[in-house]
Amino acid sequence: MAYAPKLNKAITEKFYGLGQNGKIQAEYVWIGNISPPGEDLRSKTRTLDEIPKSAADIPEWNYDGSSTGQAPGHDSEVILKAQRIYKDPFRGGDNILVLCDCYHPDGTPIPTNTRYEANQAMEAAAEFEPWFGIEQEYTLYTDDKVPLGWPRNGFPGPQGPYYCGVGVDKSFGRDIVEAHYRACLFAGVKIAGCNGEVMPGQWEYQVGPCEGIQAGDRKSV
């Protein structure tokens, strides 16, 4: 397992409290193409001179697609186009998260930009006002890849007490879940709810109901 050094948070808090001289940190977020597909989130930060009023105010940017499995090495430029803006729950203040999709320099979507075709379908059906709700199940693990609440060299008890369970012996990782929930509310993600699932360390949250492409956008963020 790779070694991940940990920095004392009290040190970083000193710098987070510094002013930004009127500048905004915009975290451009997109989906890469390294396994597993669809789960490879990438991001990079750009300084903006003012708070954008909409995604249309955010400048296009680029990145090296050969490093994300989305372009060949001899022609690696991929263009980022902003689609949604969310408040940044990590940096706070006026800083933002910018959900982007990806294009060739000639303006055509790259093959992994499945959002482009999905959005076309949603726009074609706009008169029907399609609504979606999405649920995402996930499992929390320790540093050594053991699900939270599991014994180190064995298995937990049978399912039954963990689903929507309450208490330290049934609800594992609650602090992380609560932090995630609050971060979604702050960012403007339309999180609808959450609950513990049938296995120790397993949780679920729901996004929606949202109209059209917004369900996928909010789920990605």
Protein backbone atom coordinates (compact mmCIF):
# COMPACT_ATOMS: atom_id res chain seq x y z
CA MET A 1 0.00 0.00 0.00
CA ALA A 2 1.32 3.46 -0.90
CA TYR A 3 2.41 5.66 1.98
CA ALA A 4 0.28 8.78 2.35
CA PRO A 5 1.86 11.35 4.70
CA LYS A 6 -0.57 13.27 6.90
CA LEU A 7 -0.18 16.99 7.58
CA ASN A 8 -1.34 18.52 10.82
CA LYS A 9 -4.61 20.29 9.95
CA ALA A 10 -3.83 23.07 12.42
CA ILE A 11 -0.98 24.09 10.10
CA THR A 12 -3.14 24.29 6.97
CA GLU A 13 -5.94 26.15 8.77
CA LYS A 14 -3.57 29.08 9.24
CA PHE A 15 -3.27 29.47 5.48
CA TYR A 16 -6.95 28.82 4.73
CA GLY A 17 -7.70 31.84 6.90
CA LEU A 18 -5.68 34.18 4.71
CA GLY A 19 -7.48 36.58 2.38
CA GLN A 20 -7.53 36.08 -1.39
CA ASN A 21 -7.22 39.71 -2.53
CA GLY A 22 -10.52 39.55 -4.35
CA LYS A 23 -9.56 36.47 -6.36
CA ILE A 24 -11.58 33.25 -6.70
CA GLN A 25 -10.26 29.71 -6.79
CA ALA A 26 -12.19 27.70 -9.36
CA GLU A 27 -11.72 23.92 -9.19
CA TYR A 28 -12.40 22.51 -12.67
CA VAL A 29 -13.73 18.96 -12.27
CA TRP A 30 -14.14 16.35 -15.02
CA ILE A 31 -14.29 12.59 -15.53
CA GLY A 32 -11.15 10.81 -16.74
CA ASN A 33 -10.87 7.40 -18.38
CA ILE A 34 -8.64 5.30 -16.13
CA SER A 35 -10.30 2.22 -14.61
CA PRO A 36 -12.94 2.03 -13.30
CA PRO A 37 -14.67 4.01 -16.07
CA GLY A 38 -16.96 6.76 -14.83
CA GLU A 39 -15.36 6.88 -11.39
CA ASP A 40 -12.08 8.54 -12.36
CA LEU A 41 -12.62 12.12 -11.20
CA ARG A 42 -9.92 14.68 -12.11
CA SER A 43 -9.54 18.34 -11.17
CA LYS A 44 -7.26 21.35 -11.46
CA THR A 45 -7.44 24.86 -10.01
CA ARG A 46 -7.59 28.19 -11.82
CA THR A 47 -7.62 31.72 -10.42
CA LEU A 48 -10.52 33.93 -11.53
CA ASP A 49 -10.61 37.70 -11.07
CA GLU A 50 -14.29 37.83 -10.11
CA ILE A 51 -17.23 35.67 -9.13
CA PRO A 52 -18.84 34.25 -12.30
CA LYS A 53 -22.60 34.72 -12.64
CA SER A 54 -23.03 31.51 -14.64
CA ALA A 55 -21.02 28.70 -16.25
CA ALA A 56 -20.95 30.77 -19.45
CA ASP A 57 -18.71 33.30 -17.67
CA ILE A 58 -16.03 30.73 -16.90
CA PRO A 59 -13.18 30.52 -19.42
CA GLU A 60 -12.42 27.32 -21.26
CA TRP A 61 -9.27 25.52 -20.16
CA ASN A 62 -7.27 22.52 -21.27
CA TYR A 63 -5.36 19.51 -19.96
CA ASP A 64 -3.10 16.68 -21.10
CA GLY A 65 -5.53 13.95 -22.15
CA SER A 66 -2.72 11.43 -22.69
CA SER A 67 -2.31 11.32 -18.90
CA THR A 68 -5.98 10.51 -18.30
CA GLY A 69 -6.50 7.90 -21.01
CA GLN A 70 -8.44 10.33 -23.23
CA ALA A 71 -6.00 11.37 -25.97
CA PRO A 72 -2.87 10.05 -27.72
CA GLY A 73 0.54 11.41 -26.72
CA HIS A 74 1.16 13.09 -30.08
CA ASP A 75 -2.10 15.08 -29.91
CA SER A 76 -2.94 15.27 -26.24
CA GLU A 77 -4.76 18.59 -25.77
CA VAL A 78 -8.31 18.28 -24.42
CA ILE A 79 -10.55 21.31 -23.86
CA LEU A 80 -12.59 21.78 -20.68
CA LYS A 81 -15.93 23.57 -21.01
CA ALA A 82 -17.76 24.60 -17.84
CA GLN A 83 -21.31 23.25 -17.48
CA ARG A 84 -22.27 23.79 -13.83
CA ILE A 85 -21.06 25.85 -10.87
CA TYR A 86 -21.26 24.76 -7.24
CA LYS A 87 -20.00 26.40 -4.06
CA ASP A 88 -16.75 24.84 -2.86
CA PRO A 89 -17.32 23.18 0.55
CA PHE A 90 -13.61 22.48 0.99
CA ARG A 91 -12.21 25.98 0.52
CA GLY A 92 -15.38 27.86 1.47
CA GLY A 93 -15.81 31.57 0.85
CA ASP A 94 -16.61 32.54 -2.74
CA ASN A 95 -14.54 29.70 -4.19
CA ILE A 96 -16.30 27.32 -6.56
CA LEU A 97 -16.37 23.84 -8.04
CA VAL A 98 -16.82 23.85 -11.82
CA LEU A 99 -18.23 20.71 -13.42
CA CYS A 100 -16.88 20.42 -16.97
CA ASP A 101 -17.15 18.17 -19.96
CA CYS A 102 -14.40 17.53 -22.48
CA TYR A 103 -13.82 18.31 -26.15
CA HIS A 104 -11.27 18.03 -28.92
CA PRO A 105 -9.66 21.35 -29.92
CA ASP A 106 -11.97 21.40 -32.97
CA GLY A 107 -14.98 21.58 -30.66
CA THR A 108 -16.24 18.00 -31.04
CA PRO A 109 -16.79 15.95 -27.86
CA ILE A 110 -14.16 13.35 -27.02
CA PRO A 111 -15.39 9.71 -26.97
CA THR A 112 -15.61 9.55 -23.17
CA ASN A 113 -17.77 12.69 -23.00
CA THR A 114 -21.00 10.73 -22.60
CA ARG A 115 -22.61 13.78 -20.98
CA TYR A 116 -22.78 15.46 -24.39
CA GLU A 117 -25.11 12.88 -25.95
CA ALA A 118 -27.08 12.51 -22.72
CA ASN A 119 -27.69 16.25 -22.68
CA GLN A 120 -28.80 16.19 -26.31
CA ALA A 121 -31.37 13.53 -25.42
CA MET A 122 -32.56 15.57 -22.44
CA GLU A 123 -32.92 18.72 -24.53
CA ALA A 124 -34.88 16.81 -27.18
CA ALA A 125 -37.30 15.64 -24.47
CA ALA A 126 -37.40 18.97 -22.62
CA GLU A 127 -41.11 19.50 -23.33
CA PHE A 128 -41.85 16.38 -21.26
CA GLU A 129 -39.86 17.71 -18.27
CA PRO A 130 -38.18 14.37 -17.44
CA TRP A 131 -37.38 13.97 -13.75
CA PHE A 132 -34.81 11.63 -12.22
CA GLY A 133 -33.75 10.50 -8.79
CA ILE A 134 -30.46 8.66 -8.33
CA GLU A 135 -29.19 6.66 -5.39
CA GLN A 136 -25.53 5.87 -4.79
CA GLU A 137 -24.42 3.06 -2.51
CA TYR A 138 -20.83 2.95 -1.24
CA THR A 139 -18.65 1.31 1.39
CA LEU A 140 -16.20 3.02 3.74
CA TYR A 141 -12.84 1.29 4.28
CA THR A 142 -9.95 1.61 6.69
CA ASP A 143 -6.44 2.39 5.42
CA ASP A 144 -5.72 -1.33 5.12
CA LYS A 145 -8.81 -2.03 2.97
CA VAL A 146 -11.07 -3.46 5.68
CA PRO A 147 -14.69 -2.21 5.64
CA LEU A 148 -15.53 -0.08 8.66
CA GLY A 149 -17.12 -2.16 11.40
CA TRP A 150 -15.62 -5.45 10.22
CA PRO A 151 -13.27 -7.48 12.43
CA ARG A 152 -9.66 -7.57 11.15
CA ASN A 153 -9.61 -11.28 10.44
CA GLY A 154 -13.19 -12.33 10.02
CA PHE A 155 -16.70 -11.34 9.13
CA PRO A 156 -19.38 -9.26 10.85
CA GLY A 157 -22.62 -10.66 12.16
CA PRO A 158 -25.46 -11.40 9.72
CA GLN A 159 -27.37 -8.55 8.16
CA GLY A 160 -30.33 -7.19 10.03
CA PRO A 161 -29.21 -4.67 12.64
CA TYR A 162 -27.19 -2.42 10.27
CA TYR A 163 -29.80 -1.19 7.78
CA CYS A 164 -30.83 2.28 9.02
CA GLY A 165 -29.18 1.21 12.28
CA VAL A 166 -28.48 3.53 15.20
CA GLY A 167 -25.60 3.28 17.67
CA VAL A 168 -21.84 2.85 17.68
CA ASP A 169 -22.11 -0.92 17.19
CA LYS A 170 -24.38 -0.62 14.12
CA SER A 171 -23.66 2.73 12.43
CA PHE A 172 -20.01 2.90 11.32
CA GLY A 173 -18.56 6.03 9.70
CA ARG A 174 -21.42 8.33 10.69
CA ASP A 175 -19.10 11.35 11.04
CA ILE A 176 -18.00 11.00 7.40
CA VAL A 177 -21.58 10.61 6.22
CA GLU A 178 -22.71 13.71 8.12
CA ALA A 179 -19.80 15.75 6.74
CA HIS A 180 -20.63 14.62 3.20
CA TYR A 181 -24.31 15.49 3.64
CA ARG A 182 -23.53 18.99 4.91
CA ALA A 183 -20.97 19.55 2.14
CA CYS A 184 -23.61 18.67 -0.48
CA LEU A 185 -26.11 21.10 1.04
CA PHE A 186 -23.49 23.87 1.14
CA ALA A 187 -22.40 23.22 -2.46
CA GLY A 188 -25.94 23.30 -3.80
CA VAL A 189 -26.12 19.62 -4.71
CA LYS A 190 -29.75 18.48 -4.38
CA ILE A 191 -29.13 15.67 -1.92
CA ALA A 192 -32.46 14.18 -0.86
CA GLY A 193 -31.44 11.86 1.97
CA CYS A 194 -29.10 9.14 3.22
CA ASN A 195 -29.23 5.94 5.25
CA GLY A 196 -27.10 3.09 6.50
CA GLU A 197 -27.23 -0.04 4.35
CA VAL A 198 -27.35 -3.78 5.13
CA MET A 199 -23.58 -4.27 5.65
CA PRO A 200 -21.40 -2.62 8.29
CA GLY A 201 -19.63 0.35 6.69
CA GLN A 202 -22.07 0.47 3.76
CA TRP A 203 -24.12 3.62 3.15
CA GLU A 204 -26.43 5.14 0.57
CA TYR A 205 -27.41 8.67 -0.40
CA GLN A 206 -30.00 9.94 -2.85
CA VAL A 207 -29.86 12.87 -5.28
CA GLY A 208 -32.99 14.41 -6.74
CA PRO A 209 -35.58 14.70 -7.95
CA CYS A 210 -33.87 16.71 -10.68
CA GLU A 211 -34.92 17.65 -14.17
CA GLY A 212 -32.97 16.43 -17.19
CA ILE A 213 -29.18 16.35 -17.15
CA GLN A 214 -29.01 17.96 -13.71
CA ALA A 215 -29.46 14.59 -12.00
CA GLY A 216 -26.21 13.26 -13.49
CA ASP A 217 -24.40 16.55 -12.95
CA ARG A 218 -25.28 16.73 -9.27
CA LYS A 219 -24.49 13.07 -8.73
CA SER A 220 -21.03 13.53 -10.29
CA VAL A 221 -20.24 16.42 -7.95
